[in-house]
């Protein structure tokens, strides 16, 4: 029996490859079975958005009782920056967010290298655009290939 490692002995740096991802074919596209089911992706997104919604409800009492546009814009800006940090750091460091961990899905790149800041930022931008257009960016995921707007512009996909 091996002794338990102390927290400072645990290796946190990944290899740059996702252990759950399949090997791409000669065109560089991942096999279709590596994509996570849509219901798992929706569950992960729903959990992540509920966390952000809880943060909004927590910050609600900070707003003044009258209509103050500056205060509302300040809280909206804080939520936007927080969501940027939450999603991009989660995808870059662990390949998933808290919702992705619960739904057992992870974001991997099409070339199976590590998710860079640029790719995670583009993925977050696609997510914001999809949410701002009432879900139109998620419609392409319903067709063969199962790639949403965020997947397409960041050259990533969600694997199980």
N, C-alpha and C. Protein backbone atom coordinates (compact mmCIF):
# COMPACT_ATOMS: atom_id res chain seq x y z
N UNK A 1 0.84 -1.18 0.00
CA UNK A 1 0.00 0.00 0.00
C UNK A 1 0.89 1.24 0.00
N UNK A 2 0.63 2.14 -0.93
CA UNK A 2 1.45 3.35 -1.03
C UNK A 2 0.92 4.39 -0.05
N UNK A 3 1.82 5.13 0.55
CA UNK A 3 1.36 6.16 1.49
C UNK A 3 0.66 7.29 0.74
N UNK A 4 -0.25 7.93 1.43
CA UNK A 4 -0.99 9.05 0.83
C UNK A 4 -0.04 10.22 0.61
N UNK A 5 -0.24 10.92 -0.50
CA UNK A 5 0.61 12.07 -0.81
C UNK A 5 0.09 13.30 -0.09
N UNK A 6 1.03 14.13 0.32
CA UNK A 6 0.65 15.42 0.87
C UNK A 6 0.18 16.30 -0.27
N UNK A 7 -0.57 17.36 0.05
CA UNK A 7 -1.13 18.20 -1.01
C UNK A 7 -0.04 18.90 -1.82
N UNK A 8 1.12 19.16 -1.23
CA UNK A 8 2.17 19.82 -1.97
C UNK A 8 2.97 18.85 -2.84
N UNK A 9 2.69 17.56 -2.75
CA UNK A 9 3.35 16.57 -3.57
C UNK A 9 2.53 16.17 -4.79
N UNK A 10 1.29 16.62 -4.85
CA UNK A 10 0.40 16.25 -5.94
C UNK A 10 0.75 17.08 -7.16
N UNK A 11 0.88 16.42 -8.30
CA UNK A 11 1.23 17.11 -9.54
C UNK A 11 -0.04 17.71 -10.14
N UNK A 12 -0.05 19.03 -10.31
CA UNK A 12 -1.20 19.71 -10.85
C UNK A 12 -1.04 20.06 -12.32
N UNK A 13 0.15 19.94 -12.86
CA UNK A 13 0.40 20.30 -14.25
C UNK A 13 0.04 19.11 -15.12
N UNK A 14 -0.87 19.35 -16.07
CA UNK A 14 -1.30 18.29 -16.97
C UNK A 14 -0.29 18.03 -18.07
N UNK A 15 -0.57 17.05 -18.87
CA UNK A 15 0.32 16.68 -19.97
C UNK A 15 -0.02 17.43 -21.23
N UNK A 16 -1.12 18.18 -21.23
CA UNK A 16 -1.53 18.88 -22.44
C UNK A 16 -2.47 18.05 -23.29
N UNK A 17 -2.67 16.81 -22.92
CA UNK A 17 -3.60 15.94 -23.64
C UNK A 17 -4.69 15.51 -22.68
N UNK A 18 -5.87 15.40 -23.22
CA UNK A 18 -6.99 14.96 -22.40
C UNK A 18 -6.97 13.44 -22.30
N UNK A 19 -7.03 12.89 -21.08
CA UNK A 19 -6.97 11.43 -20.96
C UNK A 19 -8.23 10.75 -21.48
N UNK A 20 -9.33 11.47 -21.60
CA UNK A 20 -10.57 10.86 -22.04
C UNK A 20 -10.84 11.06 -23.52
N UNK A 21 -10.03 11.83 -24.20
CA UNK A 21 -10.29 12.14 -25.60
C UNK A 21 -9.80 11.01 -26.50
N UNK A 22 -10.49 10.84 -27.60
CA UNK A 22 -10.11 9.83 -28.58
C UNK A 22 -9.11 10.42 -29.56
N UNK A 23 -8.44 9.56 -30.28
CA UNK A 23 -7.44 10.00 -31.24
C UNK A 23 -8.15 10.48 -32.50
N UNK A 24 -7.77 11.65 -33.04
CA UNK A 24 -8.44 12.14 -34.25
C UNK A 24 -8.04 11.32 -35.47
N UNK A 25 -8.86 11.42 -36.51
CA UNK A 25 -8.53 10.72 -37.75
C UNK A 25 -7.53 11.53 -38.57
N UNK A 26 -7.26 11.10 -39.83
CA UNK A 26 -6.23 11.76 -40.63
C UNK A 26 -6.59 13.19 -40.99
N UNK A 27 -7.86 13.57 -40.97
CA UNK A 27 -8.27 14.95 -41.24
C UNK A 27 -8.14 15.84 -40.01
N UNK A 28 -7.91 15.24 -38.85
CA UNK A 28 -7.78 16.02 -37.63
C UNK A 28 -9.08 16.20 -36.88
N UNK A 29 -10.16 15.60 -37.36
CA UNK A 29 -11.44 15.74 -36.67
C UNK A 29 -11.61 14.58 -35.69
N UNK A 30 -12.20 14.85 -34.54
CA UNK A 30 -12.38 13.78 -33.57
C UNK A 30 -13.46 12.81 -34.03
N UNK A 31 -13.40 11.57 -33.58
CA UNK A 31 -14.46 10.63 -33.94
C UNK A 31 -15.78 11.06 -33.33
N UNK A 32 -16.91 10.71 -33.97
CA UNK A 32 -18.19 11.20 -33.49
C UNK A 32 -18.57 10.67 -32.12
N UNK A 33 -18.04 9.53 -31.70
CA UNK A 33 -18.42 8.98 -30.41
C UNK A 33 -17.76 9.70 -29.24
N UNK A 34 -16.80 10.60 -29.52
CA UNK A 34 -16.13 11.30 -28.44
C UNK A 34 -16.92 12.50 -27.95
N UNK A 35 -17.94 12.90 -28.69
CA UNK A 35 -18.75 14.05 -28.29
C UNK A 35 -19.71 13.64 -27.17
N UNK A 36 -19.86 14.55 -26.22
CA UNK A 36 -20.77 14.30 -25.10
C UNK A 36 -22.21 14.45 -25.58
N UNK A 37 -23.13 13.69 -24.99
CA UNK A 37 -24.54 13.85 -25.36
C UNK A 37 -25.03 15.26 -25.04
N UNK A 38 -26.00 15.71 -25.81
CA UNK A 38 -26.51 17.07 -25.64
C UNK A 38 -27.12 17.29 -24.26
N UNK A 39 -27.74 16.26 -23.69
CA UNK A 39 -28.35 16.45 -22.38
C UNK A 39 -27.29 16.67 -21.30
N UNK A 40 -26.13 16.05 -21.45
CA UNK A 40 -25.05 16.29 -20.48
C UNK A 40 -24.49 17.71 -20.62
N UNK A 41 -24.37 18.17 -21.87
CA UNK A 41 -23.90 19.53 -22.10
C UNK A 41 -24.88 20.54 -21.54
N UNK A 42 -26.17 20.29 -21.75
CA UNK A 42 -27.19 21.20 -21.23
C UNK A 42 -27.21 21.19 -19.71
N UNK A 43 -27.01 20.02 -19.11
CA UNK A 43 -26.96 19.94 -17.65
C UNK A 43 -25.78 20.74 -17.10
N UNK A 44 -24.62 20.60 -17.73
CA UNK A 44 -23.43 21.33 -17.27
C UNK A 44 -23.65 22.84 -17.39
N UNK A 45 -24.20 23.29 -18.53
CA UNK A 45 -24.45 24.71 -18.71
C UNK A 45 -25.50 25.21 -17.72
N UNK A 46 -26.53 24.44 -17.51
CA UNK A 46 -27.56 24.84 -16.54
C UNK A 46 -27.01 24.99 -15.14
N UNK A 47 -26.15 24.07 -14.74
CA UNK A 47 -25.54 24.17 -13.40
C UNK A 47 -24.63 25.39 -13.29
N UNK A 48 -23.86 25.64 -14.34
CA UNK A 48 -22.98 26.82 -14.33
C UNK A 48 -23.78 28.11 -14.29
N UNK A 49 -24.85 28.18 -15.08
CA UNK A 49 -25.67 29.38 -15.08
C UNK A 49 -26.42 29.55 -13.77
N UNK A 50 -26.78 28.46 -13.11
CA UNK A 50 -27.44 28.59 -11.81
C UNK A 50 -26.47 29.12 -10.76
N UNK A 51 -25.18 28.77 -10.88
CA UNK A 51 -24.18 29.35 -9.97
C UNK A 51 -24.06 30.85 -10.18
N UNK A 52 -24.04 31.27 -11.44
CA UNK A 52 -23.97 32.71 -11.73
C UNK A 52 -25.26 33.41 -11.29
N UNK A 53 -26.40 32.75 -11.45
CA UNK A 53 -27.67 33.32 -10.98
C UNK A 53 -27.69 33.48 -9.48
N UNK A 54 -27.12 32.52 -8.76
CA UNK A 54 -27.05 32.65 -7.30
C UNK A 54 -26.17 33.83 -6.91
N UNK A 55 -25.11 34.06 -7.67
CA UNK A 55 -24.26 35.22 -7.39
C UNK A 55 -25.01 36.52 -7.64
N UNK A 56 -25.81 36.57 -8.71
CA UNK A 56 -26.62 37.75 -8.98
C UNK A 56 -27.62 38.00 -7.86
N UNK A 57 -28.27 36.94 -7.39
CA UNK A 57 -29.22 37.10 -6.28
C UNK A 57 -28.53 37.53 -5.00
N UNK A 58 -27.32 37.08 -4.80
CA UNK A 58 -26.56 37.47 -3.61
C UNK A 58 -26.18 38.95 -3.68
N UNK A 59 -25.85 39.43 -4.87
CA UNK A 59 -25.45 40.82 -5.02
C UNK A 59 -26.64 41.76 -5.16
N UNK A 60 -27.83 41.24 -5.32
CA UNK A 60 -29.03 42.07 -5.49
C UNK A 60 -29.26 43.09 -4.39
N UNK A 61 -29.10 42.73 -3.13
CA UNK A 61 -29.31 43.72 -2.07
C UNK A 61 -28.34 44.90 -2.11
N UNK A 62 -27.26 44.80 -2.85
CA UNK A 62 -26.34 45.92 -2.96
C UNK A 62 -26.87 47.03 -3.86
N UNK A 63 -27.86 46.70 -4.69
CA UNK A 63 -28.45 47.72 -5.56
C UNK A 63 -29.31 48.67 -4.74
N UNK A 64 -29.29 49.94 -5.07
CA UNK A 64 -30.17 50.88 -4.36
C UNK A 64 -31.63 50.63 -4.73
N UNK A 65 -32.54 51.13 -3.90
CA UNK A 65 -33.96 50.88 -4.12
C UNK A 65 -34.49 51.62 -5.36
N UNK A 66 -33.98 52.78 -5.65
CA UNK A 66 -34.39 53.52 -6.84
C UNK A 66 -33.66 52.98 -8.08
N UNK A 67 -34.04 53.50 -9.22
CA UNK A 67 -33.40 53.10 -10.45
C UNK A 67 -32.08 53.86 -10.59
N UNK A 68 -30.99 53.13 -10.44
CA UNK A 68 -29.66 53.72 -10.59
C UNK A 68 -28.92 52.91 -11.65
N UNK A 69 -28.82 53.47 -12.82
CA UNK A 69 -28.23 52.76 -13.94
C UNK A 69 -26.76 52.45 -13.71
N UNK A 70 -26.04 53.34 -13.07
CA UNK A 70 -24.62 53.11 -12.83
C UNK A 70 -24.38 51.92 -11.92
N UNK A 71 -25.20 51.77 -10.88
CA UNK A 71 -25.03 50.63 -9.97
C UNK A 71 -25.37 49.32 -10.67
N UNK A 72 -26.42 49.33 -11.46
CA UNK A 72 -26.80 48.11 -12.18
C UNK A 72 -25.73 47.73 -13.19
N UNK A 73 -25.17 48.72 -13.88
CA UNK A 73 -24.09 48.44 -14.84
C UNK A 73 -22.83 47.95 -14.14
N UNK A 74 -22.56 48.46 -12.95
CA UNK A 74 -21.39 48.01 -12.20
C UNK A 74 -21.54 46.54 -11.81
N UNK A 75 -22.71 46.15 -11.33
CA UNK A 75 -22.92 44.75 -10.96
C UNK A 75 -22.92 43.86 -12.20
N UNK A 76 -23.51 44.33 -13.30
CA UNK A 76 -23.49 43.55 -14.54
C UNK A 76 -22.06 43.37 -15.04
N UNK A 77 -21.25 44.41 -14.93
CA UNK A 77 -19.85 44.30 -15.33
C UNK A 77 -19.09 43.33 -14.45
N UNK A 78 -19.37 43.36 -13.15
CA UNK A 78 -18.73 42.41 -12.24
C UNK A 78 -19.10 40.98 -12.59
N UNK A 79 -20.38 40.74 -12.87
CA UNK A 79 -20.83 39.39 -13.23
C UNK A 79 -20.16 38.95 -14.53
N UNK A 80 -20.03 39.86 -15.50
CA UNK A 80 -19.39 39.52 -16.78
C UNK A 80 -17.91 39.14 -16.57
N UNK A 81 -17.21 39.93 -15.78
CA UNK A 81 -15.80 39.63 -15.52
C UNK A 81 -15.66 38.34 -14.71
N UNK A 82 -16.54 38.15 -13.74
CA UNK A 82 -16.50 36.93 -12.94
C UNK A 82 -16.77 35.70 -13.82
N UNK A 83 -17.76 35.79 -14.72
CA UNK A 83 -18.06 34.65 -15.59
C UNK A 83 -16.90 34.38 -16.54
N UNK A 84 -16.26 35.44 -17.02
CA UNK A 84 -15.08 35.25 -17.88
C UNK A 84 -14.00 34.48 -17.14
N UNK A 85 -13.71 34.89 -15.92
CA UNK A 85 -12.69 34.20 -15.12
C UNK A 85 -13.11 32.77 -14.78
N UNK A 86 -14.38 32.60 -14.42
CA UNK A 86 -14.89 31.28 -14.04
C UNK A 86 -14.77 30.29 -15.19
N UNK A 87 -15.28 30.67 -16.35
CA UNK A 87 -15.27 29.74 -17.48
C UNK A 87 -13.87 29.55 -18.06
N UNK A 88 -13.15 30.64 -18.33
CA UNK A 88 -11.85 30.49 -18.99
C UNK A 88 -10.84 29.77 -18.09
N UNK A 89 -10.81 30.11 -16.82
CA UNK A 89 -9.86 29.43 -15.93
C UNK A 89 -10.24 27.96 -15.75
N UNK A 90 -11.52 27.69 -15.63
CA UNK A 90 -11.96 26.30 -15.50
C UNK A 90 -11.59 25.47 -16.72
N UNK A 91 -11.81 26.02 -17.90
CA UNK A 91 -11.49 25.28 -19.13
C UNK A 91 -10.00 25.15 -19.33
N UNK A 92 -9.22 26.18 -18.98
CA UNK A 92 -7.77 26.12 -19.18
C UNK A 92 -7.10 25.19 -18.17
N UNK A 93 -7.48 25.27 -16.91
CA UNK A 93 -6.77 24.53 -15.87
C UNK A 93 -7.24 23.08 -15.78
N UNK A 94 -8.57 22.88 -15.70
CA UNK A 94 -9.10 21.53 -15.49
C UNK A 94 -9.78 20.95 -16.73
N UNK A 95 -10.05 21.77 -17.73
CA UNK A 95 -10.78 21.28 -18.90
C UNK A 95 -12.28 21.23 -18.68
N UNK A 96 -12.74 21.72 -17.54
CA UNK A 96 -14.17 21.69 -17.21
C UNK A 96 -14.47 22.72 -16.14
N UNK A 97 -15.72 23.06 -16.03
CA UNK A 97 -16.19 23.94 -14.95
C UNK A 97 -16.81 23.05 -13.87
N UNK A 98 -17.37 23.66 -12.85
CA UNK A 98 -18.04 22.86 -11.82
C UNK A 98 -19.22 22.10 -12.40
N UNK A 99 -19.97 22.75 -13.27
CA UNK A 99 -21.09 22.07 -13.93
C UNK A 99 -20.61 20.92 -14.79
N UNK A 100 -19.48 21.10 -15.46
CA UNK A 100 -18.91 20.03 -16.27
C UNK A 100 -18.42 18.87 -15.43
N UNK A 101 -17.95 19.16 -14.24
CA UNK A 101 -17.50 18.09 -13.35
C UNK A 101 -18.68 17.26 -12.88
N UNK A 102 -19.79 17.92 -12.58
CA UNK A 102 -20.99 17.18 -12.14
C UNK A 102 -21.57 16.37 -13.29
N UNK A 103 -21.60 16.96 -14.50
CA UNK A 103 -22.17 16.28 -15.66
C UNK A 103 -21.18 15.33 -16.34
N UNK A 104 -19.94 15.28 -15.86
CA UNK A 104 -18.89 14.42 -16.38
C UNK A 104 -18.60 14.70 -17.85
N UNK A 105 -18.41 15.98 -18.18
CA UNK A 105 -17.99 16.38 -19.52
C UNK A 105 -16.78 17.28 -19.39
N UNK A 106 -15.98 17.33 -20.46
CA UNK A 106 -14.80 18.19 -20.46
C UNK A 106 -14.61 18.79 -21.83
N UNK A 107 -13.97 19.94 -21.87
CA UNK A 107 -13.68 20.63 -23.11
C UNK A 107 -12.30 20.20 -23.59
N UNK A 108 -12.23 19.73 -24.81
CA UNK A 108 -10.95 19.35 -25.41
C UNK A 108 -10.83 20.05 -26.76
N UNK A 109 -9.62 20.29 -27.18
CA UNK A 109 -9.40 20.95 -28.47
C UNK A 109 -9.47 19.92 -29.58
N UNK A 110 -9.70 20.39 -30.78
CA UNK A 110 -9.79 19.48 -31.92
C UNK A 110 -8.47 18.79 -32.20
N UNK A 111 -7.35 19.45 -31.90
CA UNK A 111 -6.05 18.84 -32.11
C UNK A 111 -5.54 18.14 -30.85
N UNK A 112 -6.37 18.05 -29.83
CA UNK A 112 -6.08 17.35 -28.57
C UNK A 112 -4.87 17.89 -27.82
N UNK A 113 -4.63 19.19 -27.98
CA UNK A 113 -3.64 19.86 -27.17
C UNK A 113 -4.39 20.55 -26.03
N UNK A 114 -3.69 21.13 -25.10
CA UNK A 114 -4.33 21.80 -23.98
C UNK A 114 -5.11 23.03 -24.43
N UNK A 115 -6.14 23.36 -23.70
CA UNK A 115 -6.96 24.53 -24.00
C UNK A 115 -6.20 25.78 -23.58
N UNK A 116 -5.90 26.65 -24.53
CA UNK A 116 -5.15 27.87 -24.26
C UNK A 116 -6.12 28.98 -23.85
N UNK A 117 -5.54 30.10 -23.38
CA UNK A 117 -6.38 31.22 -22.99
C UNK A 117 -7.16 31.74 -24.19
N UNK A 118 -6.53 31.81 -25.36
CA UNK A 118 -7.20 32.32 -26.55
C UNK A 118 -8.41 31.46 -26.89
N UNK A 119 -8.25 30.15 -26.87
CA UNK A 119 -9.36 29.26 -27.19
C UNK A 119 -10.47 29.32 -26.15
N UNK A 120 -10.09 29.39 -24.88
CA UNK A 120 -11.13 29.47 -23.85
C UNK A 120 -11.83 30.82 -23.89
N UNK A 121 -11.11 31.90 -24.24
CA UNK A 121 -11.75 33.20 -24.38
C UNK A 121 -12.72 33.20 -25.56
N UNK A 122 -12.30 32.60 -26.68
CA UNK A 122 -13.21 32.51 -27.83
C UNK A 122 -14.43 31.65 -27.50
N UNK A 123 -14.22 30.60 -26.74
CA UNK A 123 -15.35 29.74 -26.34
C UNK A 123 -16.31 30.52 -25.44
N UNK A 124 -15.76 31.30 -24.49
CA UNK A 124 -16.61 32.11 -23.62
C UNK A 124 -17.37 33.15 -24.44
N UNK A 125 -16.71 33.77 -25.43
CA UNK A 125 -17.36 34.74 -26.29
C UNK A 125 -18.51 34.09 -27.05
N UNK A 126 -18.30 32.90 -27.58
CA UNK A 126 -19.37 32.18 -28.26
C UNK A 126 -20.52 31.84 -27.33
N UNK A 127 -20.20 31.51 -26.08
CA UNK A 127 -21.24 31.23 -25.10
C UNK A 127 -22.06 32.47 -24.80
N UNK A 128 -21.40 33.61 -24.63
CA UNK A 128 -22.11 34.86 -24.36
C UNK A 128 -22.99 35.24 -25.54
N UNK A 129 -22.47 35.10 -26.75
CA UNK A 129 -23.27 35.41 -27.95
C UNK A 129 -24.47 34.48 -28.04
N UNK A 130 -24.26 33.21 -27.74
CA UNK A 130 -25.37 32.25 -27.79
C UNK A 130 -26.44 32.58 -26.78
N UNK A 131 -26.05 32.96 -25.58
CA UNK A 131 -27.03 33.32 -24.55
C UNK A 131 -27.72 34.64 -24.88
N UNK A 132 -26.97 35.60 -25.45
CA UNK A 132 -27.55 36.90 -25.78
C UNK A 132 -28.55 36.82 -26.92
N UNK A 133 -28.42 35.81 -27.78
CA UNK A 133 -29.35 35.65 -28.90
C UNK A 133 -30.42 34.61 -28.59
N UNK A 134 -30.70 34.42 -27.32
CA UNK A 134 -31.75 33.50 -26.85
C UNK A 134 -31.51 32.06 -27.32
N UNK A 135 -30.27 31.65 -27.38
CA UNK A 135 -29.94 30.26 -27.67
C UNK A 135 -29.70 29.93 -29.12
N UNK A 136 -29.66 30.91 -30.00
CA UNK A 136 -29.44 30.62 -31.43
C UNK A 136 -28.07 30.00 -31.68
N UNK A 137 -27.09 30.30 -30.84
CA UNK A 137 -25.76 29.72 -31.01
C UNK A 137 -25.70 28.25 -30.65
N UNK A 138 -26.72 27.77 -29.94
CA UNK A 138 -26.75 26.35 -29.56
C UNK A 138 -27.44 25.49 -30.61
N UNK A 139 -28.15 26.10 -31.54
CA UNK A 139 -28.90 25.36 -32.55
C UNK A 139 -28.01 24.46 -33.41
N UNK A 140 -26.82 24.91 -33.84
CA UNK A 140 -25.98 24.01 -34.66
C UNK A 140 -25.60 22.72 -33.95
N UNK A 141 -25.65 22.68 -32.63
CA UNK A 141 -25.32 21.45 -31.90
C UNK A 141 -26.39 20.38 -32.08
N UNK A 142 -27.56 20.76 -32.58
CA UNK A 142 -28.63 19.80 -32.80
C UNK A 142 -28.44 19.01 -34.09
N UNK A 143 -27.57 19.48 -34.97
CA UNK A 143 -27.34 18.84 -36.26
C UNK A 143 -26.13 17.92 -36.18
N UNK A 144 -25.91 17.09 -37.21
CA UNK A 144 -24.75 16.19 -37.17
C UNK A 144 -23.44 16.96 -36.94
N UNK A 145 -22.60 16.38 -36.14
CA UNK A 145 -21.36 17.03 -35.74
C UNK A 145 -21.46 17.56 -34.32
N UNK A 146 -22.68 17.92 -33.90
CA UNK A 146 -22.97 18.37 -32.53
C UNK A 146 -22.01 19.45 -32.05
N UNK A 147 -21.79 20.46 -32.89
CA UNK A 147 -20.88 21.54 -32.53
C UNK A 147 -21.64 22.85 -32.49
N UNK A 148 -21.64 23.49 -31.34
CA UNK A 148 -22.31 24.77 -31.17
C UNK A 148 -21.43 25.89 -31.71
N UNK A 149 -21.94 27.12 -31.64
CA UNK A 149 -21.16 28.28 -32.08
C UNK A 149 -19.86 28.38 -31.30
N UNK A 150 -19.93 28.18 -30.00
CA UNK A 150 -18.73 28.25 -29.16
C UNK A 150 -17.71 27.19 -29.56
N UNK A 151 -18.18 25.99 -29.90
CA UNK A 151 -17.28 24.93 -30.35
C UNK A 151 -16.60 25.30 -31.65
N UNK A 152 -17.38 25.88 -32.55
CA UNK A 152 -16.85 26.17 -33.89
C UNK A 152 -15.82 27.30 -33.88
N UNK A 153 -16.09 28.38 -33.14
CA UNK A 153 -15.15 29.50 -33.20
C UNK A 153 -13.89 29.25 -32.37
N UNK A 154 -13.96 28.35 -31.40
CA UNK A 154 -12.78 28.08 -30.58
C UNK A 154 -12.05 26.80 -30.99
N UNK A 155 -12.57 26.07 -31.96
CA UNK A 155 -11.98 24.82 -32.42
C UNK A 155 -11.83 23.84 -31.25
N UNK A 156 -12.90 23.71 -30.47
CA UNK A 156 -12.94 22.77 -29.37
C UNK A 156 -14.22 21.94 -29.49
N UNK A 157 -14.34 20.93 -28.66
CA UNK A 157 -15.58 20.19 -28.56
C UNK A 157 -15.70 19.67 -27.13
N UNK A 158 -16.89 19.24 -26.78
CA UNK A 158 -17.15 18.73 -25.43
C UNK A 158 -17.16 17.22 -25.49
N UNK A 159 -16.28 16.60 -24.75
CA UNK A 159 -16.16 15.14 -24.72
C UNK A 159 -16.66 14.63 -23.39
N UNK A 160 -17.04 13.37 -23.40
CA UNK A 160 -17.55 12.73 -22.19
C UNK A 160 -16.42 12.09 -21.43
